[in-house]
């Protein structure tokens, strides 16, 4: 097994995963990365509720919700005072696997397709947040 210390060499990690239960193990990994100067960004969830979704809700992570073409909250995006950023997340043209996956059964094509979700909003924020590292790698929560 590879120790977590050897696995974290990134400066920014964009996470497209989540659940509504706190995980001590996941939080320990997030805290470790944060303490090493990694900027952590995560999708806030797609259930249109004000309920914290983890890892986005951890204090060390920037939570990203989705907006639509009118730059208002997307109908599916989670919301609340725990969200730090919002970005376009509706009908985003994205890469897809080049082999058949379950999403293809729902009308998504292989290679490229339009998708919606806070996961679609999250990666662009990774690039927007990168310059923050130069000025304040450990204080992204103070960027408000």
C-alpha atoms as a PDB file:
ATOM      1  CA  UNK A   1       0.000   0.000   0.000  1.00  0.00           C
ATOM      2  CA  UNK A   2       1.210   3.491  -0.888  1.00  0.00           C
ATOM      3  CA  UNK A   3       1.249   5.915   2.064  1.00  0.00           C
ATOM      4  CA  UNK A   4      -0.976   8.982   1.626  1.00  0.00           C
ATOM      5  CA  UNK A   5       2.124  11.183   1.965  1.00  0.00           C
ATOM      6  CA  UNK A   6       3.452   9.771  -1.317  1.00  0.00           C
ATOM      7  CA  UNK A   7       0.119  10.095  -3.124  1.00  0.00           C
ATOM      8  CA  UNK A   8      -0.441  13.847  -2.728  1.00  0.00           C
ATOM      9  CA  UNK A   9       1.754  15.848  -5.060  1.00  0.00           C
ATOM     10  CA  UNK A  10      -0.927  18.066  -6.640  1.00  0.00           C
ATOM     11  CA  UNK A  11      -1.395  21.762  -5.900  1.00  0.00           C
ATOM     12  CA  UNK A  12      -5.123  21.758  -6.735  1.00  0.00           C
ATOM     13  CA  UNK A  13      -7.572  18.847  -6.495  1.00  0.00           C
ATOM     14  CA  UNK A  14     -11.056  19.054  -8.049  1.00  0.00           C
ATOM     15  CA  UNK A  15     -13.450  16.476  -6.565  1.00  0.00           C
ATOM     16  CA  UNK A  16     -16.583  15.276  -8.302  1.00  0.00           C
ATOM     17  CA  UNK A  17     -17.907  12.979  -5.615  1.00  0.00           C
ATOM     18  CA  UNK A  18     -20.035  13.254  -2.571  1.00  0.00           C
ATOM     19  CA  UNK A  19     -22.447  12.035   0.010  1.00  0.00           C
ATOM     20  CA  UNK A  20     -24.552  13.406   2.842  1.00  0.00           C
ATOM     21  CA  UNK A  21     -22.784  11.606   5.665  1.00  0.00           C
ATOM     22  CA  UNK A  22     -19.648  12.842   7.365  1.00  0.00           C
ATOM     23  CA  UNK A  23     -16.657  10.533   6.872  1.00  0.00           C
ATOM     24  CA  UNK A  24     -13.822  10.830   9.374  1.00  0.00           C
ATOM     25  CA  UNK A  25     -11.463   8.958   7.047  1.00  0.00           C
ATOM     26  CA  UNK A  26     -12.193  11.213   4.064  1.00  0.00           C
ATOM     27  CA  UNK A  27     -11.921  14.297   6.274  1.00  0.00           C
ATOM     28  CA  UNK A  28      -8.509  13.158   7.550  1.00  0.00           C
ATOM     29  CA  UNK A  29      -7.270  12.803   3.952  1.00  0.00           C
ATOM     30  CA  UNK A  30      -8.724  16.228   3.053  1.00  0.00           C
ATOM     31  CA  UNK A  31      -7.082  17.831   6.111  1.00  0.00           C
ATOM     32  CA  UNK A  32      -3.752  16.227   5.262  1.00  0.00           C
ATOM     33  CA  UNK A  33      -3.862  17.568   1.699  1.00  0.00           C
ATOM     34  CA  UNK A  34      -4.925  21.017   2.902  1.00  0.00           C
ATOM     35  CA  UNK A  35      -2.093  21.136   5.440  1.00  0.00           C
ATOM     36  CA  UNK A  36       0.332  20.329   2.591  1.00  0.00           C
ATOM     37  CA  UNK A  37      -0.901  23.417   0.711  1.00  0.00           C
ATOM     38  CA  UNK A  38      -3.287  21.710  -1.703  1.00  0.00           C
ATOM     39  CA  UNK A  39      -6.266  23.806  -2.814  1.00  0.00           C
ATOM     40  CA  UNK A  40      -9.333  21.535  -2.635  1.00  0.00           C
ATOM     41  CA  UNK A  41     -12.469  22.191  -4.707  1.00  0.00           C
ATOM     42  CA  UNK A  42     -15.586  19.964  -4.696  1.00  0.00           C
ATOM     43  CA  UNK A  43     -19.022  19.697  -6.300  1.00  0.00           C
ATOM     44  CA  UNK A  44     -21.809  20.701  -3.893  1.00  0.00           C
ATOM     45  CA  UNK A  45     -24.432  18.169  -5.015  1.00  0.00           C
ATOM     46  CA  UNK A  46     -27.429  17.974  -7.340  1.00  0.00           C
ATOM     47  CA  UNK A  47     -30.546  17.493  -5.197  1.00  0.00           C
ATOM     48  CA  UNK A  48     -31.677  21.172  -4.867  1.00  0.00           C
ATOM     49  CA  UNK A  49     -31.481  21.171  -1.082  1.00  0.00           C
ATOM     50  CA  UNK A  50     -29.743  23.180   1.621  1.00  0.00           C
ATOM     51  CA  UNK A  51     -28.026  20.159   3.092  1.00  0.00           C
ATOM     52  CA  UNK A  52     -24.266  19.773   3.314  1.00  0.00           C
ATOM     53  CA  UNK A  53     -22.664  17.367   0.876  1.00  0.00           C
ATOM     54  CA  UNK A  54     -19.217  15.992   1.709  1.00  0.00           C
ATOM     55  CA  UNK A  55     -16.363  16.506   0.862  1.00  0.00           C
ATOM     56  CA  UNK A  56     -17.575  19.926  -0.377  1.00  0.00           C
ATOM     57  CA  UNK A  57     -18.841  20.843   3.110  1.00  0.00           C
ATOM     58  CA  UNK A  58     -15.535  20.261   4.888  1.00  0.00           C
ATOM     59  CA  UNK A  59     -14.051  23.555   6.060  1.00  0.00           C
ATOM     60  CA  UNK A  60     -10.858  22.899   4.077  1.00  0.00           C
ATOM     61  CA  UNK A  61     -12.718  22.529   0.737  1.00  0.00           C
ATOM     62  CA  UNK A  62     -14.206  25.151  -1.594  1.00  0.00           C
ATOM     63  CA  UNK A  63     -17.807  24.062  -2.297  1.00  0.00           C
ATOM     64  CA  UNK A  64     -19.036  24.798  -5.848  1.00  0.00           C
ATOM     65  CA  UNK A  65     -22.683  25.014  -6.900  1.00  0.00           C
ATOM     66  CA  UNK A  66     -23.987  25.282 -10.472  1.00  0.00           C
ATOM     67  CA  UNK A  67     -25.581  28.164 -12.371  1.00  0.00           C
ATOM     68  CA  UNK A  68     -27.618  28.086 -15.580  1.00  0.00           C
ATOM     69  CA  UNK A  69     -27.455  30.112 -18.817  1.00  0.00           C
ATOM     70  CA  UNK A  70     -28.996  33.107 -17.000  1.00  0.00           C
ATOM     71  CA  UNK A  71     -26.321  32.994 -14.280  1.00  0.00           C
ATOM     72  CA  UNK A  72     -28.819  31.992 -11.587  1.00  0.00           C
ATOM     73  CA  UNK A  73     -28.769  28.860  -9.454  1.00  0.00           C
ATOM     74  CA  UNK A  74     -29.372  25.785 -11.585  1.00  0.00           C
ATOM     75  CA  UNK A  75     -32.655  24.042 -10.700  1.00  0.00           C
ATOM     76  CA  UNK A  76     -30.791  20.954  -9.425  1.00  0.00           C
ATOM     77  CA  UNK A  77     -27.913  22.600  -7.555  1.00  0.00           C
ATOM     78  CA  UNK A  78     -27.592  22.295  -3.801  1.00  0.00           C
ATOM     79  CA  UNK A  79     -27.481  25.621  -1.995  1.00  0.00           C
ATOM     80  CA  UNK A  80     -26.728  27.185   1.368  1.00  0.00           C
ATOM     81  CA  UNK A  81     -24.314  29.386   3.277  1.00  0.00           C
ATOM     82  CA  UNK A  82     -21.702  26.607   3.102  1.00  0.00           C
ATOM     83  CA  UNK A  83     -21.275  27.152  -0.682  1.00  0.00           C
ATOM     84  CA  UNK A  84     -18.293  29.350  -1.589  1.00  0.00           C
ATOM     85  CA  UNK A  85     -18.484  29.580  -5.383  1.00  0.00           C
ATOM     86  CA  UNK A  86     -20.956  29.079  -8.232  1.00  0.00           C
ATOM     87  CA  UNK A  87     -20.117  28.390 -11.871  1.00  0.00           C
ATOM     88  CA  UNK A  88     -21.870  27.385 -15.101  1.00  0.00           C
ATOM     89  CA  UNK A  89     -23.060  23.799 -14.766  1.00  0.00           C
ATOM     90  CA  UNK A  90     -25.894  23.338 -17.299  1.00  0.00           C
ATOM     91  CA  UNK A  91     -25.336  21.748 -20.729  1.00  0.00           C
ATOM     92  CA  UNK A  92     -21.547  21.789 -20.432  1.00  0.00           C
ATOM     93  CA  UNK A  93     -19.784  20.107 -23.344  1.00  0.00           C
ATOM     94  CA  UNK A  94     -17.497  17.525 -21.784  1.00  0.00           C
ATOM     95  CA  UNK A  95     -15.413  14.491 -22.549  1.00  0.00           C
ATOM     96  CA  UNK A  96     -16.956  11.045 -22.173  1.00  0.00           C
ATOM     97  CA  UNK A  97     -15.454   7.553 -22.165  1.00  0.00           C
ATOM     98  CA  UNK A  98     -14.668   6.135 -25.600  1.00  0.00           C
ATOM     99  CA  UNK A  99     -16.335   2.855 -24.615  1.00  0.00           C
ATOM    100  CA  UNK A 100     -19.933   2.071 -23.661  1.00  0.00           C
ATOM    101  CA  UNK A 101     -20.970   3.097 -20.125  1.00  0.00           C
ATOM    102  CA  UNK A 102     -24.343   3.339 -18.356  1.00  0.00           C
ATOM    103  CA  UNK A 103     -24.722   7.017 -19.310  1.00  0.00           C
ATOM    104  CA  UNK A 104     -24.901   5.965 -22.972  1.00  0.00           C
ATOM    105  CA  UNK A 105     -28.156   4.138 -22.156  1.00  0.00           C
ATOM    106  CA  UNK A 106     -29.607   7.523 -21.134  1.00  0.00           C
ATOM    107  CA  UNK A 107     -28.789   9.277 -24.402  1.00  0.00           C
ATOM    108  CA  UNK A 108     -25.252  10.487 -23.745  1.00  0.00           C
ATOM    109  CA  UNK A 109     -22.854   9.813 -26.601  1.00  0.00           C
ATOM    110  CA  UNK A 110     -19.333   8.430 -26.446  1.00  0.00           C
ATOM    111  CA  UNK A 111     -16.306  10.745 -26.723  1.00  0.00           C
ATOM    112  CA  UNK A 112     -18.138  14.062 -26.051  1.00  0.00           C
ATOM    113  CA  UNK A 113     -21.559  15.051 -24.753  1.00  0.00           C
ATOM    114  CA  UNK A 114     -23.436  17.866 -23.036  1.00  0.00           C
ATOM    115  CA  UNK A 115     -23.932  17.234 -19.332  1.00  0.00           C
ATOM    116  CA  UNK A 116     -25.284  19.160 -16.340  1.00  0.00           C
ATOM    117  CA  UNK A 117     -24.380  19.083 -12.663  1.00  0.00           C
ATOM    118  CA  UNK A 118     -22.228  20.617  -9.973  1.00  0.00           C
ATOM    119  CA  UNK A 119     -19.508  18.246 -11.184  1.00  0.00           C
ATOM    120  CA  UNK A 120     -19.570  20.153 -14.471  1.00  0.00           C
ATOM    121  CA  UNK A 121     -19.235  23.453 -12.578  1.00  0.00           C
ATOM    122  CA  UNK A 122     -16.350  22.281 -10.439  1.00  0.00           C
ATOM    123  CA  UNK A 123     -13.400  21.877 -12.892  1.00  0.00           C
ATOM    124  CA  UNK A 124     -13.507  25.465 -14.260  1.00  0.00           C
ATOM    125  CA  UNK A 125     -13.254  26.734 -10.664  1.00  0.00           C
ATOM    126  CA  UNK A 126     -10.061  24.718 -10.279  1.00  0.00           C
ATOM    127  CA  UNK A 127      -8.392  26.900 -12.924  1.00  0.00           C
ATOM    128  CA  UNK A 128      -9.909  30.081 -11.516  1.00  0.00           C
ATOM    129  CA  UNK A 129      -8.639  29.242  -8.026  1.00  0.00           C
ATOM    130  CA  UNK A 130      -5.104  28.309  -9.094  1.00  0.00           C
ATOM    131  CA  UNK A 131      -3.747  31.888  -8.949  1.00  0.00           C
ATOM    132  CA  UNK A 132      -4.880  32.039  -5.299  1.00  0.00           C
ATOM    133  CA  UNK A 133      -2.143  29.583  -4.417  1.00  0.00           C
ATOM    134  CA  UNK A 134       0.536  32.115  -5.242  1.00  0.00           C
ATOM    135  CA  UNK A 135      -0.839  34.584  -2.686  1.00  0.00           C
ATOM    136  CA  UNK A 136      -2.458  32.522   0.046  1.00  0.00           C
ATOM    137  CA  UNK A 137      -2.163  28.751  -0.265  1.00  0.00           C
ATOM    138  CA  UNK A 138      -3.497  28.132   3.244  1.00  0.00           C
ATOM    139  CA  UNK A 139      -6.154  30.826   3.454  1.00  0.00           C
ATOM    140  CA  UNK A 140      -8.642  30.195   0.649  1.00  0.00           C
ATOM    141  CA  UNK A 141     -11.533  30.468   3.138  1.00  0.00           C
ATOM    142  CA  UNK A 142     -10.534  34.113   3.637  1.00  0.00           C
ATOM    143  CA  UNK A 143     -11.033  35.016  -0.043  1.00  0.00           C
ATOM    144  CA  UNK A 144     -14.612  36.177   0.585  1.00  0.00           C
END
